[in-house]
Structures are given as C-alpha cells and as structure tokens.
Amino acid sequence: MPYRLVRRLGLRQARLYDARHAVLKALALSGVSDVVLAAWAGHTNAAFTKREYVRIEAEDMWDSAAALDVFHGVDRKALT
C-alpha cells in the first residue's frame, strides 16, 4: 500500500535498505569514525561496514576538489 501512494504522488520509490545505505554513507562522509559507523549498522567489523555500505561517487568528491583548489591557489570562478 505505501508504494502505491508513492507512485501516485510521483515520488521515487525507495526501500528501507536504500535509506540504510544513504544514512551510513552520510555519517561516513561527515567524519564519523569507522568503529561508530559499524556500531550504528550493528556490525562488529568496521571494515565490512565501510566496504559494503559506503560507496564514494564522483559528486562526493567536489568538497575535497574545492579544498585542493584553495591549497593550490586556484580560483574556480575564473575558470568558468
């Protein structure tokens, strides 16, 4: 029944499993330690949690790219 409502409203269907991945990834990108991340997931092995739940994608790297630009004195606005 909830998925029917989601479709009727024109929203993207998401599973709880998807939300779990999104939350764990957001926590990891926010600097939460691997051990705490594993505890949130209910795992005893932090490496497993990171490997299975945290997938870094290109858009996740924009903040670090901007930090490198500052380090190298690059004015990103001047490049566009």
Protein backbone atom coordinates (compact mmCIF):
# COMPACT_ATOMS: atom_id res chain seq x y z
CA MET A 1 0.00 0.00 0.00
CA PRO A 2 2.68 2.65 0.80
CA TYR A 3 4.39 2.07 -2.56
CA ARG A 4 1.09 2.70 -4.34
CA LEU A 5 0.84 6.07 -2.63
CA VAL A 6 4.44 6.89 -3.53
CA ARG A 7 3.78 6.10 -7.20
CA ARG A 8 0.54 8.08 -7.18
CA LEU A 9 2.37 11.10 -5.79
CA GLY A 10 5.04 10.73 -8.49
CA LEU A 11 7.84 10.15 -5.99
CA ARG A 12 10.78 7.83 -6.40
CA GLN A 13 10.30 4.52 -4.65
CA ALA A 14 12.95 3.89 -2.01
CA ARG A 15 13.42 0.86 0.19
CA LEU A 16 14.47 0.92 3.83
CA TYR A 17 17.62 -0.83 2.64
CA ASP A 18 18.38 2.19 0.43
CA ALA A 19 17.86 4.52 3.39
CA ARG A 20 20.28 2.44 5.48
CA HIS A 21 23.00 2.86 2.82
CA ALA A 22 22.29 6.58 2.48
CA VAL A 23 22.48 7.20 6.23
CA LEU A 24 25.66 5.18 6.72
CA LYS A 25 27.30 6.95 3.78
CA ALA A 26 26.25 10.37 5.10
CA LEU A 27 27.66 9.53 8.52
CA ALA A 28 30.94 8.35 6.97
CA LEU A 29 31.27 11.48 4.82
CA SER A 30 30.56 13.59 7.92
CA GLY A 31 33.62 12.16 9.60
CA VAL A 32 32.03 9.59 11.91
CA SER A 33 34.68 7.03 12.85
CA ASP A 34 34.61 3.57 11.29
CA VAL A 35 34.02 1.92 14.65
CA VAL A 36 31.00 4.11 15.43
CA LEU A 37 29.71 3.60 11.89
CA ALA A 38 29.88 -0.16 12.36
CA ALA A 39 28.07 0.14 15.69
CA TRP A 40 25.24 2.09 14.03
CA ALA A 41 24.98 -0.67 11.44
CA GLY A 42 25.03 -3.36 14.09
CA HIS A 43 28.28 -4.84 12.81
CA THR A 44 31.37 -5.91 14.71
CA ASN A 45 33.70 -5.49 11.73
CA ALA A 46 34.21 -1.84 10.74
CA ALA A 47 35.99 -2.78 7.50
CA PHE A 48 32.96 -4.81 6.40
CA THR A 49 30.65 -1.87 7.08
CA LYS A 50 32.76 0.52 5.04
CA ARG A 51 33.20 -1.95 2.19
CA GLU A 52 29.52 -2.86 1.92
CA TYR A 53 27.74 0.37 2.79
CA VAL A 54 29.95 3.31 1.86
CA ARG A 55 30.40 3.82 -1.87
CA ILE A 56 32.11 7.07 -2.75
CA GLU A 57 30.88 8.56 -6.01
CA ALA A 58 32.20 11.42 -8.13
CA GLU A 59 29.84 14.03 -6.68
CA ASP A 60 31.05 13.14 -3.18
CA MET A 61 34.50 14.40 -4.13
CA TRP A 62 33.57 18.00 -5.01
CA ASP A 63 34.29 19.33 -1.50
CA SER A 64 37.75 17.79 -1.49
CA ALA A 65 38.40 19.15 -5.00
CA ALA A 66 37.45 22.63 -3.79
CA ALA A 67 39.81 22.23 -0.82
CA LEU A 68 42.64 21.32 -3.21
CA ASP A 69 41.84 24.37 -5.33
CA VAL A 70 42.25 26.59 -2.26
CA PHE A 71 45.51 24.83 -1.38
CA HIS A 72 46.87 25.41 -4.88
CA GLY A 73 45.51 28.95 -5.13
CA VAL A 74 43.14 28.14 -7.97
CA ASP A 75 40.18 30.48 -8.42
CA ARG A 76 37.44 28.18 -9.68
CA LYS A 77 35.25 31.14 -10.68
CA ALA A 78 37.99 32.41 -13.00
CA LEU A 79 37.98 29.03 -14.78
CA THR A 80 34.33 29.29 -15.84
